[in-house]
Amino acid sequence: MIPPPSAGPTPTILVVDDDARLRRILRANFEVVGFDVVDAQDGDGAIAALDRARPDAIVVDVPPSAGDGPAVVRRIRTHPQGAAIPLIVLTARAEHGDAVRSLEAGADDVLTKPFAPEEMLARVRGKIKRAAEDAALQPLTRLPANGPIEAEIRKRLAATSPWSVLYLDLDGFKAFNDAFGFAKGDEVIKLLARTIVDAVTKYGEGDDFVGHIGGDDFVAVMRPARAEAAAESVCITFDRAIRGVQRDTRVPYCTVSIAIVNGSRATSYEGIGERAALVKKEAKRRRGSVVVSETELPR
């Protein structure tokens, strides 16, 4: 039997099925392992449910007698609450192309009846887990976002090994975006992300971490002995590579400001953020790509 969901907010499943008896069966299968269930008879009911709240996953079982199942999927996908929710279609007609049409309409998975309840539950839970992992990443760079960044720093705070934080930020990025457009700006963000990952991989160790705070702000966590070498590598590599992205100089080339702070001296997540921001402020006062350690600041 599939175990109940792990500790945390109880996941909610929206079940769409025109058959009241089957809705009750599906509801029972989900509730017995700890899910909350909202059900709907058809596409109109599904849209009404999405108007009220955002579920964690949607299971659609609409046989041909009740209308076009893929059309229901398309309606759900056009709703703001349903655009990115994991969606599984249950069908008994895979041999007639329902599976393909459902996937083309936007379903994430198709499960052909008859099936074991355990398989359905495992697929739904797997889709919810993957969606949560995706939500923890910045869409543009696929690097960990704020939640995982905070978790990593708090983990380091609770440990005893020495560690440093690199806080990285682009200079001149707004002017670049204004001159060349957001698509080229995205190229620069991805370039910086690759440059940071490559440098941390080259100079760091297996437990190092790179995260994307958002916009043009990044953070890396690594051993103090190699932090400055990694930061200098980022500056050198980025300064060379930006010339391949920016083909003219109507605005100055973007540069990188990097602040390094000693995490081992920190006592709180908020405190290390404040110190990193202070050092980065000093870095941004200087011209060009630059690395500034907090040891350079007056006590």
Protein backbone atom coordinates (compact mmCIF):
# COMPACT_ATOMS: atom_id res chain seq x y z
CA MET A 1 0.00 0.00 0.00
CA ILE A 2 1.20 3.52 -0.78
CA PRO A 3 2.11 5.33 2.47
CA PRO A 4 0.47 8.65 3.33
CA PRO A 5 2.10 11.90 2.20
CA SER A 6 5.03 13.12 4.26
CA ALA A 7 4.61 15.78 6.93
CA GLY A 8 3.61 19.19 5.66
CA PRO A 9 0.54 20.75 4.07
CA THR A 10 -1.99 18.12 3.01
CA PRO A 11 -2.05 17.84 -0.81
CA THR A 12 -5.39 18.46 -2.52
CA ILE A 13 -6.53 16.47 -5.56
CA LEU A 14 -9.19 17.68 -7.97
CA VAL A 15 -11.04 14.66 -9.44
CA VAL A 16 -13.08 15.25 -12.60
CA ASP A 17 -15.43 12.37 -13.48
CA ASP A 18 -18.98 12.32 -14.83
CA ASP A 19 -19.77 9.09 -12.95
CA ALA A 20 -20.70 9.73 -9.31
CA ARG A 21 -19.86 6.17 -8.31
CA LEU A 22 -16.38 6.38 -9.84
CA ARG A 23 -15.83 9.78 -8.20
CA ARG A 24 -16.57 8.16 -4.84
CA ILE A 25 -14.11 5.36 -5.57
CA LEU A 26 -11.39 7.77 -6.61
CA ARG A 27 -12.09 9.97 -3.59
CA ALA A 28 -11.78 6.97 -1.27
CA ASN A 29 -8.50 5.89 -2.87
CA PHE A 30 -6.98 9.32 -2.28
CA GLU A 31 -8.45 10.04 1.14
CA VAL A 32 -7.35 6.72 2.62
CA VAL A 33 -3.70 7.75 2.14
CA GLY A 34 -4.17 11.27 3.46
CA PHE A 35 -5.07 13.49 0.50
CA ASP A 36 -7.83 16.08 0.52
CA VAL A 37 -10.18 15.66 -2.44
CA VAL A 38 -12.34 18.11 -4.38
CA ASP A 39 -14.47 16.61 -7.15
CA ALA A 40 -16.28 17.86 -10.23
CA GLN A 41 -18.66 16.21 -12.68
CA ASP A 42 -17.43 17.90 -15.85
CA GLY A 43 -15.32 20.69 -17.31
CA ASP A 44 -17.61 23.42 -15.97
CA GLY A 45 -17.30 21.97 -12.48
CA ALA A 46 -13.52 21.74 -12.82
CA ILE A 47 -13.27 25.39 -13.81
CA ALA A 48 -15.51 26.38 -10.89
CA ALA A 49 -13.26 24.41 -8.53
CA LEU A 50 -10.18 26.15 -9.92
CA ASP A 51 -11.88 29.50 -9.40
CA ARG A 52 -12.07 28.67 -5.70
CA ALA A 53 -8.62 27.21 -5.04
CA ARG A 54 -5.51 25.73 -6.62
CA PRO A 55 -5.19 21.95 -6.13
CA ASP A 56 -1.87 20.14 -6.08
CA ALA A 57 -2.87 17.72 -8.86
CA ILE A 58 -5.83 16.99 -11.14
CA VAL A 59 -7.16 13.61 -12.23
CA VAL A 60 -9.51 13.72 -15.23
CA ASP A 61 -11.70 10.74 -16.13
CA VAL A 62 -14.26 11.92 -18.64
CA PRO A 63 -15.46 9.11 -20.96
CA PRO A 64 -16.73 9.84 -24.47
CA SER A 65 -20.34 9.64 -23.28
CA ALA A 66 -19.78 12.78 -21.22
CA GLY A 67 -17.93 14.76 -23.88
CA ASP A 68 -14.40 15.18 -25.13
CA GLY A 69 -11.87 14.45 -22.38
CA PRO A 70 -8.99 16.26 -24.14
CA ALA A 71 -11.26 19.31 -24.47
CA VAL A 72 -11.63 19.30 -20.67
CA VAL A 73 -7.85 19.18 -20.36
CA ARG A 74 -7.50 22.15 -22.70
CA ARG A 75 -10.04 24.15 -20.68
CA ILE A 76 -8.16 23.41 -17.47
CA ARG A 77 -4.86 24.42 -19.04
CA THR A 78 -6.24 27.80 -20.12
CA HIS A 79 -7.32 28.61 -16.55
CA PRO A 80 -4.69 30.62 -14.60
CA GLN A 81 -4.88 28.18 -11.68
CA GLY A 82 -4.62 25.13 -13.90
CA ALA A 83 -1.86 26.08 -16.29
CA ALA A 84 0.98 24.28 -14.51
CA ILE A 85 -0.73 21.84 -12.15
CA PRO A 86 0.19 18.15 -12.61
CA LEU A 87 -2.68 16.59 -14.59
CA ILE A 88 -3.30 12.88 -15.19
CA VAL A 89 -5.96 11.55 -17.54
CA LEU A 90 -7.64 8.20 -16.95
CA THR A 91 -8.80 6.55 -20.16
CA ALA A 92 -10.12 3.20 -21.34
CA ARG A 93 -9.57 4.02 -25.02
CA ALA A 94 -5.82 4.37 -25.44
CA GLU A 95 -6.02 2.16 -28.51
CA HIS A 96 -8.22 4.77 -30.22
CA GLY A 97 -5.80 7.63 -29.71
CA ASP A 98 -7.22 9.13 -26.52
CA ALA A 99 -3.84 8.96 -24.85
CA VAL A 100 -2.14 10.89 -27.63
CA ARG A 101 -4.94 13.48 -27.86
CA SER A 102 -4.89 13.99 -24.08
CA LEU A 103 -1.13 14.48 -24.01
CA GLU A 104 -1.34 16.91 -26.94
CA ALA A 105 -4.04 18.82 -25.04
CA GLY A 106 -1.69 19.32 -22.10
CA ALA A 107 -1.93 16.26 -19.84
CA ASP A 108 1.24 15.27 -18.02
CA ASP A 109 0.41 11.58 -17.97
CA VAL A 110 -2.22 9.09 -19.14
CA LEU A 111 -3.24 5.99 -17.21
CA THR A 112 -5.20 3.33 -19.07
CA LYS A 113 -8.00 1.52 -17.27
CA PRO A 114 -8.10 -0.93 -15.65
CA PHE A 115 -5.21 -0.03 -13.34
CA ALA A 116 -4.14 -0.78 -9.79
CA PRO A 117 -4.99 2.03 -7.32
CA GLU A 118 -1.40 1.89 -6.09
CA GLU A 119 -0.16 2.78 -9.57
CA MET A 120 -2.46 5.78 -9.82
CA LEU A 121 -1.45 7.01 -6.36
CA ALA A 122 2.24 6.56 -7.14
CA ARG A 123 1.94 8.51 -10.39
CA VAL A 124 0.04 11.34 -8.75
CA ARG A 125 2.50 11.60 -5.88
CA GLY A 126 5.43 11.47 -8.29
CA LYS A 127 3.96 14.32 -10.35
CA ILE A 128 3.34 16.42 -7.21
CA LYS A 129 6.92 15.81 -6.05
CA ARG A 130 8.34 16.80 -9.43
CA ALA A 131 6.18 19.96 -9.51
CA ALA A 132 7.45 20.93 -6.06
CA GLU A 133 11.05 20.38 -7.20
CA ASP A 134 10.44 22.51 -10.29
CA ALA A 135 8.88 25.26 -8.17
CA ALA A 136 12.08 25.36 -6.11
CA LEU A 137 14.13 26.21 -9.22
CA GLN A 138 14.44 29.47 -11.09
CA PRO A 139 12.78 28.83 -14.47
CA LEU A 140 15.43 30.62 -16.53
CA THR A 141 18.58 29.04 -15.09
CA ARG A 142 17.15 25.88 -13.44
CA LEU A 143 19.23 26.71 -10.38
CA PRO A 144 17.84 26.46 -6.83
CA ALA A 145 15.74 29.49 -5.87
CA ASN A 146 15.17 31.23 -2.53
CA GLY A 147 13.69 28.30 -0.62
CA PRO A 148 16.59 25.91 -1.26
CA ILE A 149 19.09 28.75 -0.79
CA GLU A 150 17.74 29.47 2.68
CA ALA A 151 17.67 25.76 3.53
CA GLU A 152 21.31 25.35 2.44
CA ILE A 153 22.53 28.31 4.49
CA ARG A 154 20.58 27.24 7.56
CA LYS A 155 22.09 23.77 7.21
CA ARG A 156 25.57 25.29 7.13
CA LEU A 157 24.77 27.44 10.15
CA ALA A 158 23.90 24.31 12.13
CA ALA A 159 27.15 22.55 11.13
CA THR A 160 30.72 23.10 12.27
CA SER A 161 32.68 23.01 9.00
CA PRO A 162 34.02 26.36 7.69
CA TRP A 163 32.15 27.89 4.77
CA SER A 164 31.87 31.11 2.82
CA VAL A 165 29.12 32.80 0.86
CA LEU A 166 29.68 34.44 -2.51
CA TYR A 167 27.03 37.01 -3.37
CA LEU A 168 27.17 37.84 -7.08
CA ASP A 169 25.42 40.64 -8.95
CA LEU A 170 25.65 42.10 -12.46
CA ASP A 171 26.55 45.73 -13.00
CA GLY A 172 25.01 47.64 -15.90
CA PHE A 173 22.34 45.01 -16.50
CA LYS A 174 19.40 47.43 -16.66
CA ALA A 175 21.16 49.53 -19.31
CA PHE A 176 21.93 46.35 -21.26
CA ASN A 177 18.29 45.25 -21.13
CA ASP A 178 17.08 48.68 -22.19
CA ALA A 179 19.50 48.71 -25.14
CA PHE A 180 19.19 45.12 -26.40
CA GLY A 181 15.90 43.76 -25.01
CA PHE A 182 14.93 41.19 -22.41
CA ALA A 183 15.73 38.18 -24.64
CA LYS A 184 19.39 39.22 -24.82
CA GLY A 185 19.22 40.02 -21.12
CA ASP A 186 18.16 36.42 -20.46
CA GLU A 187 21.23 35.27 -22.39
CA VAL A 188 23.43 37.28 -20.05
CA ILE A 189 21.73 35.84 -16.96
CA LYS A 190 22.23 32.30 -18.28
CA LEU A 191 25.82 33.11 -19.18
CA LEU A 192 26.54 34.25 -15.64
CA ALA A 193 24.81 31.16 -14.22
CA ARG A 194 26.97 28.83 -16.33
CA THR A 195 30.10 30.77 -15.44
CA ILE A 196 29.40 30.49 -11.71
CA VAL A 197 28.59 26.78 -11.87
CA ASP A 198 31.73 26.08 -13.90
CA ALA A 199 33.95 28.01 -11.50
CA VAL A 200 32.50 26.42 -8.38
CA THR A 201 32.80 22.99 -9.99
CA LYS A 202 36.44 23.65 -10.92
CA TYR A 203 37.61 25.17 -7.64
CA GLY A 204 35.17 23.76 -5.14
CA GLU A 205 34.27 20.46 -3.54
CA GLY A 206 31.39 18.02 -3.78
CA ASP A 207 29.14 19.74 -1.25
CA ASP A 208 29.32 23.23 -2.75
CA PHE A 209 26.11 24.99 -3.72
CA VAL A 210 25.02 27.53 -6.36
CA GLY A 211 21.65 29.27 -6.22
CA HIS A 212 19.83 31.94 -8.21
CA ILE A 213 18.15 34.47 -5.93
CA GLY A 214 16.33 36.08 -8.83
CA GLY A 215 16.99 38.63 -11.56
CA ASP A 216 20.75 39.06 -11.84
CA ASP A 217 21.55 38.05 -8.23
CA PHE A 218 23.23 34.72 -7.44
CA VAL A 219 24.75 33.05 -4.40
CA ALA A 220 27.34 30.32 -3.99
CA VAL A 221 28.33 28.48 -0.82
CA MET A 222 31.75 26.81 -0.67
CA ARG A 223 34.88 26.25 1.38
CA PRO A 224 36.69 29.51 2.32
CA ALA A 225 40.06 28.35 0.98
CA ARG A 226 38.79 28.19 -2.61
CA ALA A 227 36.15 30.92 -2.57
CA GLU A 228 38.37 33.74 -3.80
CA ALA A 229 39.85 31.64 -6.61
CA ALA A 230 36.37 30.69 -7.80
CA ALA A 231 35.21 34.32 -7.63
CA GLU A 232 38.22 35.57 -9.59
CA SER A 233 37.58 32.88 -12.20
CA VAL A 234 33.99 34.07 -12.58
CA CYS A 235 35.16 37.63 -13.23
CA ILE A 236 37.80 36.65 -15.78
CA THR A 237 35.58 34.20 -17.66
CA PHE A 238 32.52 36.44 -17.68
CA ASP A 239 34.46 39.49 -18.89
CA ARG A 240 35.71 37.46 -21.83
CA ALA A 241 32.42 35.74 -22.63
CA ILE A 242 30.17 38.83 -22.46
CA ARG A 243 31.80 40.10 -25.66
CA GLY A 244 30.28 37.17 -27.49
CA VAL A 245 26.80 38.16 -26.34
CA GLN A 246 27.07 41.94 -26.69
CA ARG A 247 28.09 42.73 -30.25
CA ASP A 248 28.22 46.52 -29.99
CA THR A 249 29.11 49.03 -27.31
CA ARG A 250 26.22 51.48 -27.33
CA VAL A 251 26.22 50.70 -23.59
CA PRO A 252 29.19 49.48 -21.53
CA TYR A 253 29.69 45.74 -21.14
CA CYS A 254 28.05 44.21 -18.09
CA THR A 255 30.45 43.36 -15.27
CA VAL A 256 30.19 41.29 -12.09
CA SER A 257 30.39 42.41 -8.48
CA ILE A 258 31.17 39.58 -6.06
CA ALA A 259 31.06 39.83 -2.27
CA ILE A 260 32.64 37.13 -0.10
CA VAL A 261 31.62 36.72 3.53
CA ASN A 262 32.70 34.19 6.12
CA GLY A 263 29.68 32.09 6.95
CA SER A 264 31.40 30.47 9.90
CA ARG A 265 31.12 33.77 11.77
CA ALA A 266 27.40 34.04 11.13
CA THR A 267 24.75 33.39 13.76
CA SER A 268 21.61 33.75 11.65
CA TYR A 269 20.36 33.49 8.09
CA GLU A 270 19.24 37.11 8.17
CA GLY A 271 22.58 38.24 9.55
CA ILE A 272 24.63 36.69 6.78
CA GLY A 273 22.33 38.25 4.20
CA GLU A 274 22.86 41.67 5.70
CA ARG A 275 26.64 41.23 5.77
CA ALA A 276 26.73 40.00 2.17
CA ALA A 277 24.66 42.98 1.04
CA LEU A 278 27.03 45.37 2.82
CA VAL A 279 30.11 43.86 1.16
CA LYS A 280 28.41 43.80 -2.24
CA LYS A 281 27.61 47.50 -1.85
CA GLU A 282 31.33 48.15 -1.50
CA ALA A 283 32.07 45.96 -4.54
CA LYS A 284 29.62 47.92 -6.67
CA ARG A 285 31.41 51.16 -5.83
CA ARG A 286 34.44 49.87 -7.73
CA ARG A 287 34.80 49.78 -11.50
CA GLY A 288 34.75 46.63 -13.60
CA SER A 289 34.31 43.05 -12.47
CA VAL A 290 35.59 42.86 -8.93
CA VAL A 291 35.81 40.56 -5.90
CA VAL A 292 35.58 42.09 -2.42
CA SER A 293 35.95 40.12 0.79
CA GLU A 294 34.50 41.35 4.05
CA THR A 295 38.04 41.28 5.47
CA GLU A 296 38.75 44.35 3.31
CA LEU A 297 36.08 46.41 5.02
CA PRO A 298 36.98 48.46 8.11
CA ARG A 299 35.94 46.89 11.37
